[in-house]
Amino acid sequence: MKKKEMVHKNMTSQVLAERAALAVTKSPFVVKLYYSLQTNLNVYLVMDYMIGGDVKSLLSMYGYFDESMAVQYTGECNYLDVRSKQLLSHCLNLFSYCVVI
């Protein structure tokens, strides 16, 4: 990720919170973070490759989750070993986009 773009999009705190959450989470539902490093221009998070992306990408693709999909992802979020308030807050923010019809 380019640092300049993160600052421009006001995403610095979000990226730091996500990195911190990934560092402490040990769950089969969360991608494993192996390393995080940075240069003067970029930040790198070395993780397992997961086909399909993240929940936010799914929501932007589908527009909303039907009830069964929302239940599944909410259950996975609740399964997490939540060790920080930031992780819980990040998880809840993702699901605030969820519309059940």
C-alpha atoms as a PDB file:
ATOM      1  CA  MET A   1       0.000   0.000   0.000  1.00  0.00           C
ATOM      2  CA  LYS A   2       1.314   3.409  -0.870  1.00  0.00           C
ATOM      3  CA  LYS A   3       1.686   5.642   2.186  1.00  0.00           C
ATOM      4  CA  LYS A   4       0.864   8.745   0.180  1.00  0.00           C
ATOM      5  CA  GLU A   5      -2.493   7.276  -0.914  1.00  0.00           C
ATOM      6  CA  MET A   6      -3.330   6.177   2.651  1.00  0.00           C
ATOM      7  CA  VAL A   7      -2.755   9.705   3.931  1.00  0.00           C
ATOM      8  CA  HIS A   8      -4.664  11.243   1.010  1.00  0.00           C
ATOM      9  CA  LYS A   9      -7.666   8.946   1.613  1.00  0.00           C
ATOM     10  CA  ASN A  10      -7.450   9.502   5.406  1.00  0.00           C
ATOM     11  CA  MET A  11      -7.010   5.745   5.961  1.00  0.00           C
ATOM     12  CA  THR A  12      -3.901   5.767   8.153  1.00  0.00           C
ATOM     13  CA  SER A  13      -5.694   4.900  11.396  1.00  0.00           C
ATOM     14  CA  GLN A  14      -7.771   2.213   9.645  1.00  0.00           C
ATOM     15  CA  VAL A  15      -4.664   0.507   8.235  1.00  0.00           C
ATOM     16  CA  LEU A  16      -2.902   0.669  11.623  1.00  0.00           C
ATOM     17  CA  ALA A  17      -5.974  -0.786  13.363  1.00  0.00           C
ATOM     18  CA  GLU A  18      -6.276  -3.564  10.791  1.00  0.00           C
ATOM     19  CA  ARG A  19      -2.590  -4.432  11.154  1.00  0.00           C
ATOM     20  CA  ALA A  20      -2.907  -4.495  14.953  1.00  0.00           C
ATOM     21  CA  ALA A  21      -6.032  -6.663  14.773  1.00  0.00           C
ATOM     22  CA  LEU A  22      -4.416  -9.120  12.363  1.00  0.00           C
ATOM     23  CA  ALA A  23      -1.330  -9.344  14.569  1.00  0.00           C
ATOM     24  CA  VAL A  24      -3.261 -10.546  17.639  1.00  0.00           C
ATOM     25  CA  THR A  25      -6.038 -12.587  16.015  1.00  0.00           C
ATOM     26  CA  LYS A  26      -5.696 -16.331  15.766  1.00  0.00           C
ATOM     27  CA  SER A  27      -8.873 -17.534  14.109  1.00  0.00           C
ATOM     28  CA  PRO A  28      -9.662 -19.808  11.180  1.00  0.00           C
ATOM     29  CA  PHE A  29     -11.922 -17.016   9.874  1.00  0.00           C
ATOM     30  CA  VAL A  30      -9.246 -14.304   9.749  1.00  0.00           C
ATOM     31  CA  VAL A  31      -6.302 -14.297   7.363  1.00  0.00           C
ATOM     32  CA  LYS A  32      -2.931 -14.895   9.028  1.00  0.00           C
ATOM     33  CA  LEU A  33      -0.475 -11.989   9.116  1.00  0.00           C
ATOM     34  CA  TYR A  34       3.107 -13.235   8.847  1.00  0.00           C
ATOM     35  CA  TYR A  35       5.003  -9.942   8.659  1.00  0.00           C
ATOM     36  CA  SER A  36       4.433  -6.234   8.293  1.00  0.00           C
ATOM     37  CA  LEU A  37       7.133  -3.941   6.987  1.00  0.00           C
ATOM     38  CA  GLN A  38       7.515  -0.537   5.465  1.00  0.00           C
ATOM     39  CA  THR A  39       9.744   1.545   3.254  1.00  0.00           C
ATOM     40  CA  ASN A  40       9.739   5.305   2.845  1.00  0.00           C
ATOM     41  CA  LEU A  41       6.952   5.014   0.261  1.00  0.00           C
ATOM     42  CA  ASN A  42       5.021   1.802   1.007  1.00  0.00           C
ATOM     43  CA  VAL A  43       3.581  -0.394   3.743  1.00  0.00           C
ATOM     44  CA  TYR A  44       3.571  -4.166   3.226  1.00  0.00           C
ATOM     45  CA  LEU A  45       1.429  -6.747   4.999  1.00  0.00           C
ATOM     46  CA  VAL A  46       2.561 -10.296   4.236  1.00  0.00           C
ATOM     47  CA  MET A  47      -0.483 -12.559   4.577  1.00  0.00           C
ATOM     48  CA  ASP A  48      -1.962 -15.744   3.199  1.00  0.00           C
ATOM     49  CA  TYR A  49      -3.630 -15.215  -0.165  1.00  0.00           C
ATOM     50  CA  MET A  50      -7.391 -15.595   0.124  1.00  0.00           C
ATOM     51  CA  ILE A  51      -9.476 -15.826  -3.025  1.00  0.00           C
ATOM     52  CA  GLY A  52     -12.570 -13.664  -2.802  1.00  0.00           C
ATOM     53  CA  GLY A  53     -11.230 -10.778  -0.752  1.00  0.00           C
ATOM     54  CA  ASP A  54     -12.909  -9.393   2.333  1.00  0.00           C
ATOM     55  CA  VAL A  55     -16.424  -8.750   3.595  1.00  0.00           C
ATOM     56  CA  LYS A  56     -16.385  -5.129   2.457  1.00  0.00           C
ATOM     57  CA  SER A  57     -15.538  -6.224  -1.109  1.00  0.00           C
ATOM     58  CA  LEU A  58     -18.380  -8.749  -1.044  1.00  0.00           C
ATOM     59  CA  LEU A  59     -20.802  -6.073   0.104  1.00  0.00           C
ATOM     60  CA  SER A  60     -19.712  -3.712  -2.659  1.00  0.00           C
ATOM     61  CA  MET A  61     -20.189  -6.531  -5.182  1.00  0.00           C
ATOM     62  CA  TYR A  62     -23.604  -7.776  -3.910  1.00  0.00           C
ATOM     63  CA  GLY A  63     -24.904  -4.494  -2.503  1.00  0.00           C
ATOM     64  CA  TYR A  64     -26.370  -6.292   0.518  1.00  0.00           C
ATOM     65  CA  PHE A  65     -26.359  -9.687   2.220  1.00  0.00           C
ATOM     66  CA  ASP A  66     -29.472 -11.783   2.407  1.00  0.00           C
ATOM     67  CA  GLU A  67     -30.349 -13.084   5.869  1.00  0.00           C
ATOM     68  CA  SER A  68     -28.458 -16.403   5.658  1.00  0.00           C
ATOM     69  CA  MET A  69     -25.277 -14.739   4.421  1.00  0.00           C
ATOM     70  CA  ALA A  70     -25.513 -12.032   7.111  1.00  0.00           C
ATOM     71  CA  VAL A  71     -25.998 -14.696   9.801  1.00  0.00           C
ATOM     72  CA  GLN A  72     -22.941 -16.610   8.565  1.00  0.00           C
ATOM     73  CA  TYR A  73     -20.601 -13.605   8.553  1.00  0.00           C
ATOM     74  CA  THR A  74     -21.930 -12.268  11.850  1.00  0.00           C
ATOM     75  CA  GLY A  75     -21.357 -15.684  13.420  1.00  0.00           C
ATOM     76  CA  GLU A  76     -17.809 -15.771  12.087  1.00  0.00           C
ATOM     77  CA  CYS A  77     -17.184 -12.317  13.509  1.00  0.00           C
ATOM     78  CA  ASN A  78     -18.540 -13.382  16.899  1.00  0.00           C
ATOM     79  CA  TYR A  79     -16.257 -16.439  16.810  1.00  0.00           C
ATOM     80  CA  LEU A  80     -13.176 -14.243  16.734  1.00  0.00           C
ATOM     81  CA  ASP A  81     -10.982 -14.136  19.792  1.00  0.00           C
ATOM     82  CA  VAL A  82     -11.466 -10.417  20.266  1.00  0.00           C
ATOM     83  CA  ARG A  83      -8.507  -9.088  22.224  1.00  0.00           C
ATOM     84  CA  SER A  84      -8.765  -5.458  21.336  1.00  0.00           C
ATOM     85  CA  LYS A  85     -11.574  -2.936  21.169  1.00  0.00           C
ATOM     86  CA  GLN A  86     -10.255  -1.805  17.795  1.00  0.00           C
ATOM     87  CA  LEU A  87     -10.840  -5.243  16.280  1.00  0.00           C
ATOM     88  CA  LEU A  88     -14.389  -5.342  17.618  1.00  0.00           C
ATOM     89  CA  SER A  89     -15.011  -1.811  16.381  1.00  0.00           C
ATOM     90  CA  HIS A  90     -13.600  -2.666  12.935  1.00  0.00           C
ATOM     91  CA  CYS A  91     -15.731  -5.798  12.750  1.00  0.00           C
ATOM     92  CA  LEU A  92     -18.892  -3.929  13.761  1.00  0.00           C
ATOM     93  CA  ASN A  93     -18.166  -1.188  11.220  1.00  0.00           C
ATOM     94  CA  LEU A  94     -17.999  -3.793   8.471  1.00  0.00           C
ATOM     95  CA  PHE A  95     -21.378  -5.204   9.464  1.00  0.00           C
ATOM     96  CA  SER A  96     -22.996  -1.778   9.746  1.00  0.00           C
ATOM     97  CA  TYR A  97     -23.056  -1.854   5.924  1.00  0.00           C
ATOM     98  CA  CYS A  98     -25.080  -5.054   6.045  1.00  0.00           C
ATOM     99  CA  VAL A  99     -28.733  -4.790   5.003  1.00  0.00           C
ATOM    100  CA  VAL A 100     -30.950  -7.773   5.763  1.00  0.00           C
ATOM    101  CA  ILE A 101     -34.094  -8.106   3.628  1.00  0.00           C
END
